[in-house]
Amino acid sequence: MELVYLWVEKYKNIENEGFNFSPRFKCSYDEKKEELAINENKDYVSIFPENINVTAIVGENGSGKS
């Protein structure tokens, strides 16, 4: 299983924001229709073998990454 997209309605200072965690897919969320569209990114090229996926969340210490 892979986390591809995250929609945050309201959490602390983040409101109505989407986060795409995979360059293999183009994701968009329509708030009015409450509909998530996930499409394969045809331009995606991976330098890693098929069974390896690398994703990173970076930021300063204390910035709320956890």
N, C-alpha and C. Protein backbone atom coordinates (compact mmCIF):
# COMPACT_ATOMS: atom_id res chain seq x y z
N MET A 1 0.84 -1.17 0.00
CA MET A 1 0.00 0.00 0.00
C MET A 1 0.90 1.24 0.00
N GLU A 2 0.44 2.27 -0.67
CA GLU A 2 1.23 3.49 -0.81
C GLU A 2 0.34 4.71 -0.60
N LEU A 3 0.80 5.66 0.21
CA LEU A 3 0.09 6.91 0.39
C LEU A 3 0.42 7.79 -0.81
N VAL A 4 -0.58 8.10 -1.61
CA VAL A 4 -0.38 8.85 -2.85
C VAL A 4 -0.76 10.31 -2.66
N TYR A 5 -1.86 10.58 -1.92
CA TYR A 5 -2.38 11.94 -1.80
C TYR A 5 -3.03 12.12 -0.43
N LEU A 6 -2.88 13.29 0.13
CA LEU A 6 -3.49 13.60 1.42
C LEU A 6 -4.20 14.95 1.31
N TRP A 7 -5.47 14.98 1.69
CA TRP A 7 -6.24 16.23 1.72
C TRP A 7 -6.46 16.61 3.18
N VAL A 8 -6.09 17.84 3.54
CA VAL A 8 -6.27 18.33 4.91
C VAL A 8 -7.33 19.40 4.88
N GLU A 9 -8.47 19.11 5.50
CA GLU A 9 -9.55 20.09 5.55
C GLU A 9 -9.22 21.20 6.54
N LYS A 10 -8.84 20.81 7.77
CA LYS A 10 -8.41 21.81 8.75
C LYS A 10 -7.60 21.11 9.84
N TYR A 11 -6.34 21.54 9.99
CA TYR A 11 -5.47 21.07 11.06
C TYR A 11 -4.49 22.18 11.39
N LYS A 12 -4.58 22.69 12.60
CA LYS A 12 -3.76 23.82 13.05
C LYS A 12 -3.83 24.94 12.01
N ASN A 13 -2.70 25.30 11.39
CA ASN A 13 -2.73 26.41 10.43
C ASN A 13 -2.85 25.93 8.98
N ILE A 14 -3.11 24.64 8.76
CA ILE A 14 -3.30 24.10 7.41
C ILE A 14 -4.78 23.94 7.16
N GLU A 15 -5.27 24.56 6.10
CA GLU A 15 -6.70 24.50 5.81
C GLU A 15 -6.93 24.34 4.31
N ASN A 16 -7.73 23.32 3.96
CA ASN A 16 -8.09 23.04 2.57
C ASN A 16 -6.85 22.97 1.67
N GLU A 17 -5.97 22.03 2.01
CA GLU A 17 -4.70 21.88 1.29
C GLU A 17 -4.48 20.42 0.93
N GLY A 18 -4.03 20.18 -0.29
CA GLY A 18 -3.74 18.83 -0.74
C GLY A 18 -2.24 18.61 -0.87
N PHE A 19 -1.79 17.39 -0.56
CA PHE A 19 -0.38 17.04 -0.62
C PHE A 19 -0.24 15.79 -1.47
N ASN A 20 0.52 15.89 -2.55
CA ASN A 20 0.77 14.76 -3.44
C ASN A 20 2.09 14.12 -3.04
N PHE A 21 2.06 12.83 -2.68
CA PHE A 21 3.26 12.13 -2.21
C PHE A 21 3.88 11.22 -3.25
N SER A 22 3.37 11.20 -4.45
CA SER A 22 3.92 10.31 -5.46
C SER A 22 4.02 11.02 -6.80
N PRO A 23 5.21 11.11 -7.37
CA PRO A 23 5.35 11.73 -8.69
C PRO A 23 4.79 10.84 -9.81
N ARG A 24 4.45 9.58 -9.48
CA ARG A 24 3.88 8.68 -10.49
C ARG A 24 2.44 9.04 -10.84
N PHE A 25 1.79 9.84 -9.99
CA PHE A 25 0.38 10.18 -10.20
C PHE A 25 0.16 11.68 -10.09
N LYS A 26 -0.83 12.17 -10.83
CA LYS A 26 -1.28 13.55 -10.71
C LYS A 26 -2.64 13.50 -10.02
N CYS A 27 -2.72 14.10 -8.84
CA CYS A 27 -3.94 14.04 -8.04
C CYS A 27 -4.53 15.43 -7.86
N SER A 28 -5.85 15.48 -7.83
CA SER A 28 -6.54 16.74 -7.54
C SER A 28 -7.85 16.43 -6.83
N TYR A 29 -8.22 17.30 -5.91
CA TYR A 29 -9.45 17.12 -5.14
C TYR A 29 -10.38 18.29 -5.41
N ASP A 30 -11.62 18.00 -5.78
CA ASP A 30 -12.65 19.01 -6.01
C ASP A 30 -13.50 19.10 -4.75
N GLU A 31 -13.35 20.21 -4.01
CA GLU A 31 -14.06 20.37 -2.74
C GLU A 31 -15.57 20.39 -2.93
N LYS A 32 -16.05 21.05 -3.97
CA LYS A 32 -17.49 21.19 -4.18
C LYS A 32 -18.15 19.84 -4.47
N LYS A 33 -17.50 19.03 -5.30
CA LYS A 33 -18.04 17.71 -5.65
C LYS A 33 -17.61 16.63 -4.66
N GLU A 34 -16.65 16.98 -3.77
CA GLU A 34 -16.04 16.01 -2.85
C GLU A 34 -15.54 14.80 -3.63
N GLU A 35 -14.73 15.10 -4.67
CA GLU A 35 -14.28 14.07 -5.60
C GLU A 35 -12.76 14.14 -5.76
N LEU A 36 -12.11 12.99 -5.65
CA LEU A 36 -10.67 12.90 -5.82
C LEU A 36 -10.37 12.27 -7.17
N ALA A 37 -9.54 12.93 -7.97
CA ALA A 37 -9.13 12.41 -9.27
C ALA A 37 -7.65 12.01 -9.19
N ILE A 38 -7.36 10.76 -9.55
CA ILE A 38 -5.99 10.27 -9.57
C ILE A 38 -5.69 9.77 -10.97
N ASN A 39 -4.73 10.41 -11.63
CA ASN A 39 -4.34 10.04 -12.99
C ASN A 39 -2.86 9.70 -13.02
N GLU A 40 -2.52 8.70 -13.82
CA GLU A 40 -1.13 8.31 -13.97
C GLU A 40 -0.36 9.41 -14.69
N ASN A 41 0.83 9.72 -14.20
CA ASN A 41 1.70 10.71 -14.81
C ASN A 41 2.49 10.02 -15.92
N LYS A 42 2.15 10.28 -17.16
CA LYS A 42 2.78 9.62 -18.31
C LYS A 42 4.24 10.05 -18.49
N ASP A 43 4.63 11.21 -17.93
CA ASP A 43 5.99 11.71 -18.06
C ASP A 43 6.93 11.20 -16.97
N TYR A 44 6.40 10.43 -16.02
CA TYR A 44 7.21 9.95 -14.89
C TYR A 44 8.24 8.92 -15.33
N VAL A 45 9.47 9.14 -14.90
CA VAL A 45 10.56 8.19 -15.15
C VAL A 45 11.26 7.96 -13.81
N SER A 46 11.40 6.69 -13.42
CA SER A 46 12.03 6.37 -12.15
C SER A 46 13.46 5.89 -12.38
N ILE A 47 14.35 6.30 -11.48
CA ILE A 47 15.73 5.83 -11.53
C ILE A 47 15.92 4.63 -10.62
N PHE A 48 14.85 4.25 -9.86
CA PHE A 48 14.91 3.14 -8.93
C PHE A 48 14.23 1.91 -9.52
N PRO A 49 14.61 0.72 -9.05
CA PRO A 49 13.91 -0.50 -9.49
C PRO A 49 12.42 -0.43 -9.10
N GLU A 50 11.62 -1.28 -9.71
CA GLU A 50 10.17 -1.23 -9.54
C GLU A 50 9.69 -1.35 -8.10
N ASN A 51 10.39 -2.11 -7.27
CA ASN A 51 9.91 -2.35 -5.90
C ASN A 51 10.44 -1.35 -4.87
N ILE A 52 11.07 -0.26 -5.31
CA ILE A 52 11.60 0.74 -4.39
C ILE A 52 10.92 2.09 -4.66
N ASN A 53 10.41 2.68 -3.57
CA ASN A 53 9.77 3.98 -3.65
C ASN A 53 10.37 4.87 -2.57
N VAL A 54 10.85 6.05 -2.92
CA VAL A 54 11.47 6.96 -1.97
C VAL A 54 10.63 8.23 -1.87
N THR A 55 10.20 8.56 -0.65
CA THR A 55 9.45 9.78 -0.38
C THR A 55 10.03 10.41 0.87
N ALA A 56 10.17 11.72 0.89
CA ALA A 56 10.74 12.39 2.06
C ALA A 56 9.89 13.60 2.44
N ILE A 57 9.77 13.82 3.74
CA ILE A 57 9.14 15.04 4.25
C ILE A 57 10.24 15.78 4.99
N VAL A 58 10.58 16.95 4.53
CA VAL A 58 11.70 17.69 5.09
C VAL A 58 11.25 19.02 5.68
N GLY A 59 12.01 19.52 6.61
CA GLY A 59 11.70 20.82 7.22
C GLY A 59 12.58 21.02 8.44
N GLU A 60 12.56 22.22 8.97
CA GLU A 60 13.34 22.54 10.14
C GLU A 60 12.82 21.77 11.35
N ASN A 61 13.70 21.58 12.34
CA ASN A 61 13.29 20.96 13.58
C ASN A 61 12.20 21.81 14.24
N GLY A 62 11.17 21.12 14.73
CA GLY A 62 10.09 21.83 15.40
C GLY A 62 9.07 22.44 14.46
N SER A 63 9.15 22.13 13.17
CA SER A 63 8.22 22.74 12.20
C SER A 63 6.94 21.94 12.04
N GLY A 64 6.80 20.77 12.70
CA GLY A 64 5.56 20.01 12.66
C GLY A 64 5.52 18.87 11.67
N LYS A 65 6.65 18.29 11.36
CA LYS A 65 6.69 17.18 10.39
C LYS A 65 6.02 15.93 10.94
N SER A 66 6.07 15.70 12.23
CA SER A 66 5.47 14.47 12.78
C SER A 66 3.98 14.65 12.91
